[in-house]
């Protein structure tokens, strides 16, 4: 079975390589019938990226790759929950946040211990040429 590709050609002459729509020769991005939808999707994507940058700045967030960054998200969530009216849902949220906080503390402690071990054993491991 031969797979079809979009008929659109880039400025370089290279084909698009995306699968075309079922009843057409072009993919969604290059289909003249869907130009308005694609334009609106691009606009919304740009708005989303701007919103993400604004929120990251407002909440002082740099990402969620490390324990400290996840702690910041937890801190934001706890402060938001504390600002809610007292209810069973609020109490559950705060208890869950406490549970997550304990896991984060444990993960941070493990991260510190591994780092300390690597610093201590690093020269020995490099000297021997291989890890045991």
Protein backbone atom coordinates (compact mmCIF):
# COMPACT_ATOMS: atom_id res chain seq x y z
CA UNK A 1 0.00 0.00 0.00
CA UNK A 2 1.44 3.36 -1.05
CA UNK A 3 0.86 6.22 1.37
CA UNK A 4 -0.25 9.54 -0.08
CA UNK A 5 1.37 12.83 0.85
CA UNK A 6 0.27 16.44 0.69
CA UNK A 7 0.63 18.02 -2.77
CA UNK A 8 1.99 21.27 -1.36
CA UNK A 9 5.56 22.20 -2.31
CA UNK A 10 7.74 24.39 -0.10
CA UNK A 11 9.69 27.33 -1.53
CA UNK A 12 12.67 25.02 -1.83
CA UNK A 13 10.60 22.62 -3.97
CA UNK A 14 10.58 20.01 -1.23
CA UNK A 15 7.22 18.24 -0.65
CA UNK A 16 5.23 18.74 2.56
CA UNK A 17 5.26 14.99 3.48
CA UNK A 18 2.18 15.25 5.72
CA UNK A 19 -0.77 12.99 5.06
CA UNK A 20 -3.48 14.71 3.01
CA UNK A 21 -7.07 15.05 4.16
CA UNK A 22 -9.28 12.11 3.14
CA UNK A 23 -11.09 13.90 0.36
CA UNK A 24 -8.31 16.17 -0.82
CA UNK A 25 -4.80 16.52 -2.10
CA UNK A 26 -3.53 18.77 0.70
CA UNK A 27 -2.98 18.33 4.45
CA UNK A 28 -4.99 20.46 6.87
CA UNK A 29 -2.26 23.13 7.05
CA UNK A 30 -2.15 23.63 3.26
CA UNK A 31 -5.77 23.00 2.30
CA UNK A 32 -7.33 26.16 0.80
CA UNK A 33 -10.73 25.13 2.21
CA UNK A 34 -9.34 25.17 5.76
CA UNK A 35 -7.25 28.36 5.54
CA UNK A 36 -9.42 30.28 8.03
CA UNK A 37 -9.33 27.43 10.57
CA UNK A 38 -5.55 27.20 10.30
CA UNK A 39 -5.19 30.98 10.66
CA UNK A 40 -7.37 30.93 13.80
CA UNK A 41 -5.37 28.02 15.24
CA UNK A 42 -2.13 29.95 14.70
CA UNK A 43 -3.62 33.02 16.35
CA UNK A 44 -4.75 31.00 19.37
CA UNK A 45 -1.32 29.35 19.58
CA UNK A 46 0.34 32.75 19.72
CA UNK A 47 -2.08 33.92 22.40
CA UNK A 48 -1.37 30.78 24.41
CA UNK A 49 2.39 31.30 24.23
CA UNK A 50 2.01 34.93 25.34
CA UNK A 51 -0.30 33.86 28.16
CA UNK A 52 2.19 31.20 29.27
CA UNK A 53 4.99 33.78 29.38
CA UNK A 54 2.79 36.21 31.34
CA UNK A 55 1.76 33.56 33.86
CA UNK A 56 5.31 32.26 34.26
CA UNK A 57 6.43 35.80 35.06
CA UNK A 58 3.53 36.50 37.40
CA UNK A 59 4.06 33.25 39.33
CA UNK A 60 7.87 33.36 39.10
CA UNK A 61 7.97 29.96 37.37
CA UNK A 62 10.87 28.83 35.22
CA UNK A 63 9.60 25.34 34.43
CA UNK A 64 8.88 22.04 36.16
CA UNK A 65 12.08 20.09 35.56
CA UNK A 66 13.50 20.16 39.10
CA UNK A 67 12.36 19.63 42.65
CA UNK A 68 12.63 23.35 43.46
CA UNK A 69 10.42 24.29 40.50
CA UNK A 70 7.78 21.74 41.49
CA UNK A 71 7.96 23.07 45.05
CA UNK A 72 7.12 26.52 43.68
CA UNK A 73 4.00 25.13 41.96
CA UNK A 74 3.00 23.43 45.21
CA UNK A 75 3.50 26.70 47.08
CA UNK A 76 1.26 28.54 44.59
CA UNK A 77 -1.43 25.86 44.87
CA UNK A 78 -1.36 25.91 48.68
CA UNK A 79 -1.60 29.69 48.82
CA UNK A 80 -4.50 29.65 46.37
CA UNK A 81 -6.26 26.93 48.40
CA UNK A 82 -5.75 28.87 51.63
CA UNK A 83 -7.52 31.82 50.02
CA UNK A 84 -10.65 29.74 49.33
CA UNK A 85 -13.70 29.67 51.55
CA UNK A 86 -13.46 26.98 54.22
CA UNK A 87 -15.01 23.77 52.89
CA UNK A 88 -14.44 20.03 52.72
CA UNK A 89 -12.92 20.41 49.24
CA UNK A 90 -10.47 23.02 50.56
CA UNK A 91 -9.43 20.75 53.46
CA UNK A 92 -8.94 17.82 51.08
CA UNK A 93 -6.87 19.99 48.76
CA UNK A 94 -4.65 21.17 51.61
CA UNK A 95 -4.18 17.62 52.92
CA UNK A 96 -3.28 16.41 49.45
CA UNK A 97 -0.83 19.31 49.11
CA UNK A 98 0.76 18.26 52.42
CA UNK A 99 1.10 14.70 51.10
CA UNK A 100 2.73 15.94 47.89
CA UNK A 101 4.99 18.21 49.93
CA UNK A 102 6.28 15.25 51.93
CA UNK A 103 7.08 13.39 48.71
CA UNK A 104 8.90 16.45 47.38
CA UNK A 105 10.93 16.74 50.58
CA UNK A 106 11.87 13.08 50.25
CA UNK A 107 12.82 13.51 46.59
CA UNK A 108 14.91 16.57 47.42
CA UNK A 109 16.69 14.68 50.19
CA UNK A 110 17.45 11.75 47.88
CA UNK A 111 18.72 14.18 45.23
CA UNK A 112 21.06 15.81 47.77
CA UNK A 113 22.34 12.45 49.01
CA UNK A 114 23.06 11.17 45.49
CA UNK A 115 24.86 14.40 44.67
CA UNK A 116 26.99 14.11 47.82
CA UNK A 117 27.83 10.48 47.02
CA UNK A 118 28.79 11.36 43.47
CA UNK A 119 31.05 14.16 44.71
CA UNK A 120 32.70 11.86 47.24
CA UNK A 121 33.10 8.86 44.94
CA UNK A 122 33.62 10.80 41.72
CA UNK A 123 37.42 10.91 41.83
CA UNK A 124 37.59 7.22 42.78
CA UNK A 125 35.25 6.21 39.97
CA UNK A 126 37.20 8.24 37.41
CA UNK A 127 40.53 6.80 38.63
CA UNK A 128 39.37 3.20 38.20
CA UNK A 129 37.99 3.93 34.74
CA UNK A 130 34.68 2.20 35.31
CA UNK A 131 31.85 1.97 37.82
CA UNK A 132 31.24 -1.12 39.88
